[in-house]
Amino acid sequence: MAESLDFERLVACYYGPLYQFAFSLARDESDACDLTQQTFCIWAAKGHQLRDASKVKTWLFTTLHREFLGARRKQTRFPHIDLEYAAAELPVVSPPTINRLDAGQALDALAHLDEIYQAPVALFYLQDCSYNEIAEILDVPLGTVKSRLTRGLGRLHQLLADTPTNIQPQPPNL
């Protein structure tokens, strides 16, 4: 059985068909290559778990399909936006502010935001939740999430731009 599941033989035998399947799904050459390569990477890590060597083809195609679906979900959740189009939405942070900013200060400033802004900002930036997920979690409309994020980020920027003495450090939880 180990001989029939030799990695190099599997790649030689299934790379072409897997790539064609990936291309039919992704409709993009580089995405199809990435999906195919990712499938073989997963095989290299988990293929030893397959007990029935006759099901290797099914395993590979199923894995590729799942990777494709996962990539699409991620793309939907975190769409690619060119920076030049989103620049107007980004807060302007001066170089001196960036130089003195650290994660602790950012979390302290976040703790000083009004509660209605704190939760959306934390969910979006710390928990990687989408707008729709935040709306569902907080039970508010999508537009409210967007406006609270915008206002919360503006207020957070103000807090971070102020001198560090304006933000009182939180006592450590012991």
N, C-alpha and C. Protein backbone atom coordinates (compact mmCIF):
# COMPACT_ATOMS: atom_id res chain seq x y z
N MET A 1 0.82 -1.19 0.00
CA MET A 1 0.00 0.00 0.00
C MET A 1 0.87 1.26 0.00
N ALA A 2 1.96 1.27 0.76
CA ALA A 2 2.82 2.45 0.82
C ALA A 2 3.38 2.80 -0.53
N GLU A 3 3.72 1.77 -1.34
CA GLU A 3 4.24 2.05 -2.67
C GLU A 3 3.22 2.74 -3.55
N SER A 4 1.96 2.31 -3.48
CA SER A 4 0.94 2.89 -4.33
C SER A 4 0.60 4.32 -3.93
N LEU A 5 0.97 4.72 -2.71
CA LEU A 5 0.70 6.08 -2.25
C LEU A 5 1.97 6.93 -2.23
N ASP A 6 2.98 6.53 -2.98
CA ASP A 6 4.21 7.30 -3.09
C ASP A 6 3.88 8.71 -3.59
N PHE A 7 4.38 9.70 -2.88
CA PHE A 7 4.04 11.10 -3.16
C PHE A 7 4.35 11.49 -4.61
N GLU A 8 5.54 11.18 -5.07
CA GLU A 8 5.92 11.56 -6.44
C GLU A 8 5.03 10.90 -7.48
N ARG A 9 4.65 9.65 -7.25
CA ARG A 9 3.76 8.97 -8.19
C ARG A 9 2.37 9.61 -8.19
N LEU A 10 1.92 9.99 -7.00
CA LEU A 10 0.62 10.66 -6.92
C LEU A 10 0.63 11.98 -7.68
N VAL A 11 1.68 12.75 -7.51
CA VAL A 11 1.78 14.04 -8.21
C VAL A 11 1.80 13.79 -9.71
N ALA A 12 2.61 12.85 -10.15
CA ALA A 12 2.70 12.55 -11.58
C ALA A 12 1.36 12.09 -12.15
N CYS A 13 0.65 11.32 -11.37
CA CYS A 13 -0.62 10.74 -11.84
C CYS A 13 -1.78 11.73 -11.78
N TYR A 14 -1.84 12.55 -10.73
CA TYR A 14 -3.03 13.36 -10.50
C TYR A 14 -2.87 14.86 -10.67
N TYR A 15 -1.66 15.34 -10.89
CA TYR A 15 -1.49 16.79 -11.00
C TYR A 15 -2.33 17.36 -12.14
N GLY A 16 -2.24 16.78 -13.30
CA GLY A 16 -2.98 17.28 -14.47
C GLY A 16 -4.48 17.32 -14.24
N PRO A 17 -5.09 16.19 -13.86
CA PRO A 17 -6.54 16.21 -13.62
C PRO A 17 -6.97 17.16 -12.49
N LEU A 18 -6.16 17.23 -11.43
CA LEU A 18 -6.49 18.15 -10.33
C LEU A 18 -6.40 19.60 -10.80
N TYR A 19 -5.37 19.91 -11.57
CA TYR A 19 -5.22 21.27 -12.09
C TYR A 19 -6.42 21.62 -12.98
N GLN A 20 -6.81 20.72 -13.85
CA GLN A 20 -7.95 20.98 -14.74
C GLN A 20 -9.22 21.22 -13.93
N PHE A 21 -9.42 20.43 -12.89
CA PHE A 21 -10.59 20.61 -12.03
C PHE A 21 -10.51 21.97 -11.32
N ALA A 22 -9.34 22.30 -10.80
CA ALA A 22 -9.16 23.58 -10.11
C ALA A 22 -9.39 24.75 -11.07
N PHE A 23 -8.91 24.62 -12.30
CA PHE A 23 -9.10 25.69 -13.28
C PHE A 23 -10.58 25.84 -13.62
N SER A 24 -11.30 24.73 -13.71
CA SER A 24 -12.73 24.81 -14.01
C SER A 24 -13.49 25.50 -12.88
N LEU A 25 -13.00 25.38 -11.66
CA LEU A 25 -13.63 26.04 -10.53
C LEU A 25 -13.22 27.51 -10.42
N ALA A 26 -11.92 27.75 -10.47
CA ALA A 26 -11.39 29.09 -10.20
C ALA A 26 -11.40 30.00 -11.42
N ARG A 27 -11.30 29.43 -12.60
CA ARG A 27 -11.24 30.20 -13.86
C ARG A 27 -10.05 31.16 -13.90
N ASP A 28 -9.01 30.78 -13.19
CA ASP A 28 -7.81 31.59 -13.16
C ASP A 28 -6.61 30.65 -13.01
N GLU A 29 -5.61 30.85 -13.88
CA GLU A 29 -4.47 29.95 -13.92
C GLU A 29 -3.69 29.92 -12.61
N SER A 30 -3.39 31.09 -12.06
CA SER A 30 -2.59 31.11 -10.83
C SER A 30 -3.38 30.55 -9.65
N ASP A 31 -4.69 30.84 -9.58
CA ASP A 31 -5.50 30.26 -8.51
C ASP A 31 -5.58 28.75 -8.63
N ALA A 32 -5.68 28.26 -9.87
CA ALA A 32 -5.73 26.81 -10.09
C ALA A 32 -4.42 26.16 -9.65
N CYS A 33 -3.30 26.79 -9.97
CA CYS A 33 -1.99 26.27 -9.53
C CYS A 33 -1.91 26.25 -8.01
N ASP A 34 -2.36 27.34 -7.37
CA ASP A 34 -2.32 27.43 -5.92
C ASP A 34 -3.19 26.34 -5.28
N LEU A 35 -4.39 26.15 -5.81
CA LEU A 35 -5.29 25.12 -5.27
C LEU A 35 -4.68 23.73 -5.40
N THR A 36 -4.08 23.47 -6.56
CA THR A 36 -3.48 22.16 -6.79
C THR A 36 -2.30 21.94 -5.84
N GLN A 37 -1.47 22.95 -5.73
CA GLN A 37 -0.32 22.84 -4.82
C GLN A 37 -0.78 22.68 -3.38
N GLN A 38 -1.79 23.44 -2.97
CA GLN A 38 -2.30 23.32 -1.61
C GLN A 38 -2.85 21.92 -1.34
N THR A 39 -3.50 21.35 -2.34
CA THR A 39 -4.03 19.99 -2.19
C THR A 39 -2.91 18.99 -1.91
N PHE A 40 -1.81 19.11 -2.65
CA PHE A 40 -0.69 18.20 -2.43
C PHE A 40 0.03 18.49 -1.10
N CYS A 41 0.03 19.74 -0.68
CA CYS A 41 0.60 20.06 0.64
C CYS A 41 -0.22 19.40 1.75
N ILE A 42 -1.53 19.45 1.61
CA ILE A 42 -2.40 18.81 2.59
C ILE A 42 -2.19 17.30 2.55
N TRP A 43 -2.04 16.76 1.34
CA TRP A 43 -1.76 15.31 1.23
C TRP A 43 -0.47 14.96 1.97
N ALA A 44 0.56 15.79 1.77
CA ALA A 44 1.85 15.52 2.41
C ALA A 44 1.71 15.51 3.93
N ALA A 45 0.83 16.36 4.45
CA ALA A 45 0.66 16.44 5.90
C ALA A 45 -0.32 15.41 6.45
N LYS A 46 -1.37 15.09 5.68
CA LYS A 46 -2.43 14.26 6.23
C LYS A 46 -2.72 12.98 5.44
N GLY A 47 -2.06 12.80 4.32
CA GLY A 47 -2.35 11.65 3.48
C GLY A 47 -2.14 10.31 4.14
N HIS A 48 -1.24 10.27 5.11
CA HIS A 48 -0.98 9.01 5.81
C HIS A 48 -2.21 8.49 6.55
N GLN A 49 -3.21 9.35 6.77
CA GLN A 49 -4.41 8.94 7.48
C GLN A 49 -5.38 8.14 6.61
N LEU A 50 -5.18 8.20 5.30
CA LEU A 50 -6.07 7.48 4.39
C LEU A 50 -5.80 5.99 4.50
N ARG A 51 -6.83 5.24 4.83
CA ARG A 51 -6.65 3.80 5.05
C ARG A 51 -6.85 2.98 3.79
N ASP A 52 -7.68 3.45 2.89
CA ASP A 52 -8.00 2.70 1.67
C ASP A 52 -7.33 3.40 0.48
N ALA A 53 -6.25 2.82 -0.02
CA ALA A 53 -5.48 3.42 -1.11
C ALA A 53 -6.31 3.59 -2.37
N SER A 54 -7.37 2.84 -2.53
CA SER A 54 -8.20 2.97 -3.73
C SER A 54 -9.00 4.27 -3.73
N LYS A 55 -9.04 4.97 -2.61
CA LYS A 55 -9.82 6.20 -2.51
C LYS A 55 -8.96 7.47 -2.57
N VAL A 56 -7.71 7.32 -2.96
CA VAL A 56 -6.82 8.47 -2.99
C VAL A 56 -7.30 9.53 -3.97
N LYS A 57 -7.79 9.12 -5.12
CA LYS A 57 -8.27 10.08 -6.12
C LYS A 57 -9.44 10.89 -5.56
N THR A 58 -10.38 10.20 -4.96
CA THR A 58 -11.53 10.89 -4.35
C THR A 58 -11.08 11.84 -3.26
N TRP A 59 -10.14 11.39 -2.44
CA TRP A 59 -9.62 12.21 -1.35
C TRP A 59 -9.00 13.49 -1.90
N LEU A 60 -8.19 13.36 -2.94
CA LEU A 60 -7.51 14.53 -3.51
C LEU A 60 -8.51 15.52 -4.12
N PHE A 61 -9.48 15.02 -4.87
CA PHE A 61 -10.45 15.91 -5.49
C PHE A 61 -11.36 16.56 -4.45
N THR A 62 -11.74 15.81 -3.43
CA THR A 62 -12.56 16.38 -2.36
C THR A 62 -11.79 17.46 -1.61
N THR A 63 -10.53 17.20 -1.34
CA THR A 63 -9.70 18.18 -0.64
C THR A 63 -9.55 19.44 -1.46
N LEU A 64 -9.31 19.30 -2.75
CA LEU A 64 -9.19 20.48 -3.62
C LEU A 64 -10.49 21.27 -3.62
N HIS A 65 -11.60 20.60 -3.72
CA HIS A 65 -12.90 21.29 -3.73
C HIS A 65 -13.13 22.03 -2.42
N ARG A 66 -12.80 21.41 -1.31
CA ARG A 66 -12.96 22.07 -0.01
C ARG A 66 -12.06 23.30 0.12
N GLU A 67 -10.85 23.19 -0.39
CA GLU A 67 -9.94 24.35 -0.37
C GLU A 67 -10.49 25.49 -1.22
N PHE A 68 -11.06 25.14 -2.37
CA PHE A 68 -11.67 26.15 -3.23
C PHE A 68 -12.81 26.86 -2.50
N LEU A 69 -13.69 26.08 -1.88
CA LEU A 69 -14.82 26.67 -1.16
C LEU A 69 -14.34 27.54 0.01
N GLY A 70 -13.33 27.08 0.71
CA GLY A 70 -12.77 27.87 1.81
C GLY A 70 -12.17 29.18 1.32
N ALA A 71 -11.49 29.14 0.19
CA ALA A 71 -10.91 30.36 -0.36
C ALA A 71 -12.00 31.33 -0.79
N ARG A 72 -13.08 30.83 -1.36
CA ARG A 72 -14.20 31.69 -1.78
C ARG A 72 -14.87 32.32 -0.57
N ARG A 73 -15.05 31.55 0.50
CA ARG A 73 -15.64 32.11 1.72
C ARG A 73 -14.76 33.22 2.27
N LYS A 74 -13.47 32.98 2.27
CA LYS A 74 -12.54 33.99 2.78
C LYS A 74 -12.57 35.24 1.91
N GLN A 75 -12.64 35.04 0.59
CA GLN A 75 -12.68 36.17 -0.34
C GLN A 75 -13.97 36.97 -0.15
N THR A 76 -15.07 36.29 0.13
CA THR A 76 -16.33 36.98 0.37
C THR A 76 -16.28 37.74 1.68
N ARG A 77 -15.69 37.11 2.68
CA ARG A 77 -15.63 37.72 4.01
C ARG A 77 -14.65 38.89 4.05
N PHE A 78 -13.53 38.73 3.36
CA PHE A 78 -12.51 39.76 3.34
C PHE A 78 -12.18 40.11 1.89
N PRO A 79 -13.03 40.88 1.24
CA PRO A 79 -12.79 41.17 -0.17
C PRO A 79 -11.53 42.02 -0.36
N HIS A 80 -10.89 41.81 -1.49
CA HIS A 80 -9.69 42.59 -1.83
C HIS A 80 -10.12 43.97 -2.28
N ILE A 81 -9.59 44.97 -1.64
CA ILE A 81 -9.89 46.36 -2.01
C ILE A 81 -8.55 47.05 -2.23
N ASP A 82 -8.39 47.64 -3.40
CA ASP A 82 -7.16 48.36 -3.67
C ASP A 82 -7.05 49.55 -2.72
N LEU A 83 -5.87 49.74 -2.20
CA LEU A 83 -5.64 50.79 -1.22
C LEU A 83 -5.99 52.16 -1.76
N GLU A 84 -5.76 52.39 -3.04
CA GLU A 84 -6.05 53.71 -3.61
C GLU A 84 -7.54 54.04 -3.53
N TYR A 85 -8.41 53.02 -3.56
CA TYR A 85 -9.85 53.26 -3.47
C TYR A 85 -10.32 53.40 -2.04
N ALA A 86 -9.60 52.82 -1.11
CA ALA A 86 -10.00 52.87 0.29
C ALA A 86 -9.27 53.95 1.07
N ALA A 87 -8.38 54.67 0.43
CA ALA A 87 -7.56 55.66 1.13
C ALA A 87 -8.40 56.72 1.83
N ALA A 88 -9.53 57.10 1.24
CA ALA A 88 -10.37 58.13 1.84
C ALA A 88 -10.97 57.67 3.17
N GLU A 89 -11.14 56.38 3.35
CA GLU A 89 -11.73 55.85 4.57
C GLU A 89 -10.71 55.64 5.68
N LEU A 90 -9.43 55.66 5.35
CA LEU A 90 -8.39 55.41 6.34
C LEU A 90 -8.10 56.67 7.15
N PRO A 91 -7.91 56.52 8.45
CA PRO A 91 -7.57 57.69 9.26
C PRO A 91 -6.14 58.13 8.96
N VAL A 92 -5.92 59.43 9.07
CA VAL A 92 -4.58 59.96 8.87
C VAL A 92 -3.86 59.91 10.21
N VAL A 93 -2.75 59.20 10.23
CA VAL A 93 -1.97 59.07 11.46
C VAL A 93 -0.60 59.65 11.18
N SER A 94 -0.22 60.62 11.98
CA SER A 94 1.06 61.28 11.77
C SER A 94 2.22 60.36 12.16
N PRO A 95 3.38 60.52 11.52
CA PRO A 95 4.54 59.68 11.87
C PRO A 95 4.91 59.70 13.35
N PRO A 96 4.85 60.86 14.03
CA PRO A 96 5.18 60.82 15.46
C PRO A 96 4.22 59.91 16.25
N THR A 97 2.95 59.89 15.86
CA THR A 97 1.99 59.03 16.55
C THR A 97 2.33 57.57 16.32
N ILE A 98 2.67 57.21 15.10
CA ILE A 98 3.02 55.83 14.78
C ILE A 98 4.26 55.40 15.55
N ASN A 99 5.24 56.31 15.66
CA ASN A 99 6.48 55.97 16.33
C ASN A 99 6.29 55.68 17.81
N ARG A 100 5.32 56.30 18.44
CA ARG A 100 5.16 56.09 19.87
C ARG A 100 4.04 55.10 20.21
N LEU A 101 3.37 54.61 19.19
CA LEU A 101 2.24 53.72 19.40
C LEU A 101 2.70 52.28 19.57
N ASP A 102 2.14 51.61 20.51
CA ASP A 102 2.37 50.17 20.63
C ASP A 102 1.03 49.49 20.91
N ALA A 103 1.02 48.18 20.92
CA ALA A 103 -0.23 47.43 21.08
C ALA A 103 -0.90 47.73 22.41
N GLY A 104 -0.11 47.89 23.44
CA GLY A 104 -0.68 48.18 24.75
C GLY A 104 -1.42 49.50 24.77
N GLN A 105 -0.83 50.51 24.13
CA GLN A 105 -1.50 51.80 24.06
C GLN A 105 -2.78 51.72 23.24
N ALA A 106 -2.72 50.96 22.16
CA ALA A 106 -3.91 50.82 21.32
C ALA A 106 -5.03 50.14 22.10
N LEU A 107 -4.70 49.10 22.86
CA LEU A 107 -5.73 48.42 23.67
C LEU A 107 -6.24 49.31 24.79
N ASP A 108 -5.36 50.10 25.38
CA ASP A 108 -5.80 51.05 26.41
C ASP A 108 -6.76 52.07 25.81
N ALA A 109 -6.42 52.58 24.63
CA ALA A 109 -7.30 53.55 23.97
C ALA A 109 -8.62 52.90 23.62
N LEU A 110 -8.59 51.67 23.15
CA LEU A 110 -9.81 50.95 22.81
C LEU A 110 -10.70 50.81 24.05
N ALA A 111 -10.09 50.59 25.20
CA ALA A 111 -10.85 50.45 26.44
C ALA A 111 -11.54 51.75 26.83
N HIS A 112 -11.05 52.88 26.31
CA HIS A 112 -11.63 54.18 26.64
C HIS A 112 -12.68 54.64 25.63
N LEU A 113 -12.91 53.87 24.60
CA LEU A 113 -13.97 54.21 23.65
C LEU A 113 -15.33 54.00 24.30
N ASP A 114 -16.33 54.75 23.83
CA ASP A 114 -17.69 54.49 24.27
C ASP A 114 -18.04 53.05 23.93
N GLU A 115 -18.86 52.44 24.75
CA GLU A 115 -19.19 51.03 24.58
C GLU A 115 -19.80 50.73 23.22
N ILE A 116 -20.60 51.65 22.68
CA ILE A 116 -21.23 51.38 21.39
C ILE A 116 -20.21 51.32 20.26
N TYR A 117 -19.06 51.95 20.43
CA TYR A 117 -18.00 51.90 19.42
C TYR A 117 -16.99 50.81 19.72
N GLN A 118 -16.79 50.53 20.98
CA GLN A 118 -15.76 49.59 21.40
C GLN A 118 -16.01 48.18 20.85
N ALA A 119 -17.23 47.70 20.97
CA ALA A 119 -17.53 46.34 20.53
C ALA A 119 -17.33 46.16 19.02
N PRO A 120 -17.88 47.03 18.16
CA PRO A 120 -17.65 46.82 16.72
C PRO A 120 -16.17 46.90 16.33
N VAL A 121 -15.44 47.84 16.91
CA VAL A 121 -14.02 47.98 16.57
C VAL A 121 -13.25 46.74 17.02
N ALA A 122 -13.52 46.26 18.22
CA ALA A 122 -12.83 45.07 18.72
C ALA A 122 -13.19 43.84 17.90
N LEU A 123 -14.46 43.68 17.57
CA LEU A 123 -14.87 42.51 16.77
C LEU A 123 -14.23 42.54 15.39
N PHE A 124 -14.17 43.72 14.78
CA PHE A 124 -13.63 43.82 13.42
C PHE A 124 -12.12 43.66 13.40
N TYR A 125 -11.40 44.37 14.26
CA TYR A 125 -9.95 44.37 14.19
C TYR A 125 -9.27 43.30 15.04
N LEU A 126 -9.87 42.89 16.11
CA LEU A 126 -9.22 41.90 16.97
C LEU A 126 -9.74 40.49 16.72
N GLN A 127 -11.00 40.37 16.29
CA GLN A 127 -11.58 39.04 16.09
C GLN A 127 -11.80 38.72 14.61
N ASP A 128 -11.45 39.62 13.71
CA ASP A 128 -11.60 39.42 12.26
C ASP A 128 -13.03 39.06 11.85
N CYS A 129 -14.01 39.67 12.49
CA CYS A 129 -15.40 39.44 12.12
C CYS A 129 -15.77 40.34 10.95
N SER A 130 -16.62 39.84 10.08
CA SER A 130 -17.11 40.64 8.95
C SER A 130 -18.18 41.60 9.46
N TYR A 131 -18.54 42.58 8.61
CA TYR A 131 -19.61 43.50 8.97
C TYR A 131 -20.90 42.74 9.28
N ASN A 132 -21.23 41.77 8.45
CA ASN A 132 -22.46 41.00 8.66
C ASN A 132 -22.42 40.23 9.97
N GLU A 133 -21.28 39.65 10.29
CA GLU A 133 -21.16 38.92 11.55
C GLU A 133 -21.30 39.86 12.75
N ILE A 134 -20.71 41.04 12.65
CA ILE A 134 -20.82 42.02 13.73
C ILE A 134 -22.27 42.44 13.91
N ALA A 135 -22.96 42.68 12.79
CA ALA A 135 -24.37 43.07 12.86
C ALA A 135 -25.19 41.99 13.55
N GLU A 136 -24.89 40.74 13.24
CA GLU A 136 -25.62 39.63 13.86
C GLU A 136 -25.28 39.51 15.34
N ILE A 137 -24.00 39.61 15.67
CA ILE A 137 -23.57 39.48 17.06
C ILE A 137 -24.18 40.58 17.92
N LEU A 138 -24.15 41.83 17.42
CA LEU A 138 -24.63 42.97 18.20
C LEU A 138 -26.12 43.22 18.02
N ASP A 139 -26.73 42.49 17.09
CA ASP A 139 -28.16 42.64 16.80
C ASP A 139 -28.51 44.08 16.42
N VAL A 140 -27.70 44.61 15.48
CA VAL A 140 -27.94 45.95 14.93
C VAL A 140 -27.89 45.87 13.41
N PRO A 141 -28.46 46.85 12.71
CA PRO A 141 -28.40 46.84 11.24
C PRO A 141 -26.97 47.00 10.73
N LEU A 142 -26.76 46.54 9.50
CA LEU A 142 -25.43 46.61 8.88
C LEU A 142 -24.93 48.05 8.79
N GLY A 143 -25.80 48.99 8.42
CA GLY A 143 -25.41 50.39 8.33
C GLY A 143 -24.94 50.94 9.66
N THR A 144 -25.56 50.49 10.74
CA THR A 144 -25.16 50.93 12.08
C THR A 144 -23.76 50.43 12.40
N VAL A 145 -23.46 49.19 12.00
CA VAL A 145 -22.12 48.65 12.22
C VAL A 145 -21.09 49.51 11.51
N LYS A 146 -21.36 49.83 10.24
CA LYS A 146 -20.41 50.63 9.46
C LYS A 146 -20.21 52.01 10.06
N SER A 147 -21.29 52.66 10.46
CA SER A 147 -21.14 54.00 11.03
C SER A 147 -20.43 53.95 12.38
N ARG A 148 -20.73 52.93 13.19
CA ARG A 148 -20.05 52.82 14.49
C ARG A 148 -18.57 52.53 14.32
N LEU A 149 -18.22 51.74 13.32
CA LEU A 149 -16.80 51.48 13.05
C LEU A 149 -16.10 52.77 12.62
N THR A 150 -16.72 53.52 11.72
CA THR A 150 -16.12 54.76 11.24
C THR A 150 -15.96 55.75 12.39
N ARG A 151 -17.01 55.94 13.17
CA ARG A 151 -16.94 56.89 14.30
C ARG A 151 -15.99 56.38 15.38
N GLY A 152 -16.03 55.08 15.63
CA GLY A 152 -15.14 54.51 16.64
C GLY A 152 -13.67 54.66 16.27
N LEU A 153 -13.37 54.43 14.98
CA LEU A 153 -11.98 54.60 14.53
C LEU A 153 -11.55 56.06 14.62
N GLY A 154 -12.46 56.96 14.29
CA GLY A 154 -12.14 58.39 14.42
C GLY A 154 -11.84 58.76 15.85
N ARG A 155 -12.66 58.28 16.77
CA ARG A 155 -12.45 58.57 18.19
C ARG A 155 -11.17 57.89 18.69
N LEU A 156 -10.93 56.67 18.24
CA LEU A 156 -9.72 55.96 18.62
C LEU A 156 -8.49 56.73 18.15
N HIS A 157 -8.56 57.25 16.93
CA HIS A 157 -7.44 58.06 16.42
C HIS A 157 -7.21 59.29 17.28
N GLN A 158 -8.31 59.95 17.70
CA GLN A 158 -8.18 61.11 18.57
C GLN A 158 -7.50 60.73 19.89
N LEU A 159 -7.93 59.61 20.45
CA LEU A 159 -7.34 59.16 21.71
C LEU A 159 -5.85 58.86 21.55
N LEU A 160 -5.50 58.23 20.44
CA LEU A 160 -4.10 57.88 20.21
C LEU A 160 -3.25 59.09 19.86
N ALA A 161 -3.85 60.09 19.24
CA ALA A 161 -3.11 61.29 18.87
C ALA A 161 -2.84 62.18 20.08
N ASP A 162 -3.70 62.07 21.11
CA ASP A 162 -3.49 62.84 22.33
C ASP A 162 -2.21 62.37 23.01
N THR A 163 -1.77 63.16 23.94
CA THR A 163 -0.57 62.76 24.68
C THR A 163 -0.88 61.51 25.49
N PRO A 164 0.13 60.67 25.72
CA PRO A 164 -0.09 59.42 26.46
C PRO A 164 -0.66 59.63 27.85
N THR A 165 -0.51 60.83 28.42
CA THR A 165 -1.04 61.06 29.77
C THR A 165 -2.56 61.18 29.76
N ASN A 166 -3.16 61.44 28.60
CA ASN A 166 -4.62 61.53 28.54
C ASN A 166 -5.28 60.16 28.64
N ILE A 167 -4.53 59.12 28.38
CA ILE A 167 -5.07 57.77 28.47
C ILE A 167 -4.48 57.14 29.72
N GLN A 168 -5.30 56.95 30.70
CA GLN A 168 -4.84 56.37 31.95
C GLN A 168 -4.65 54.88 31.75
N PRO A 169 -3.51 54.33 32.14
CA PRO A 169 -3.29 52.88 31.99
C PRO A 169 -4.26 52.10 32.87
N GLN A 170 -4.70 50.97 32.34
CA GLN A 170 -5.60 50.08 33.08
C GLN A 170 -4.76 49.26 34.05
N PRO A 171 -5.25 49.09 35.29
CA PRO A 171 -4.49 48.25 36.23
C PRO A 171 -4.51 46.81 35.74
N PRO A 172 -3.41 46.09 35.93
CA PRO A 172 -3.35 44.70 35.47
C PRO A 172 -4.33 43.83 36.28
N ASN A 173 -4.90 42.86 35.59
CA ASN A 173 -5.78 41.90 36.26
C ASN A 173 -4.90 40.85 36.94
N LEU A 174 -5.03 40.75 38.22
CA LEU A 174 -4.23 39.79 38.96
C LEU A 174 -5.01 38.58 39.30
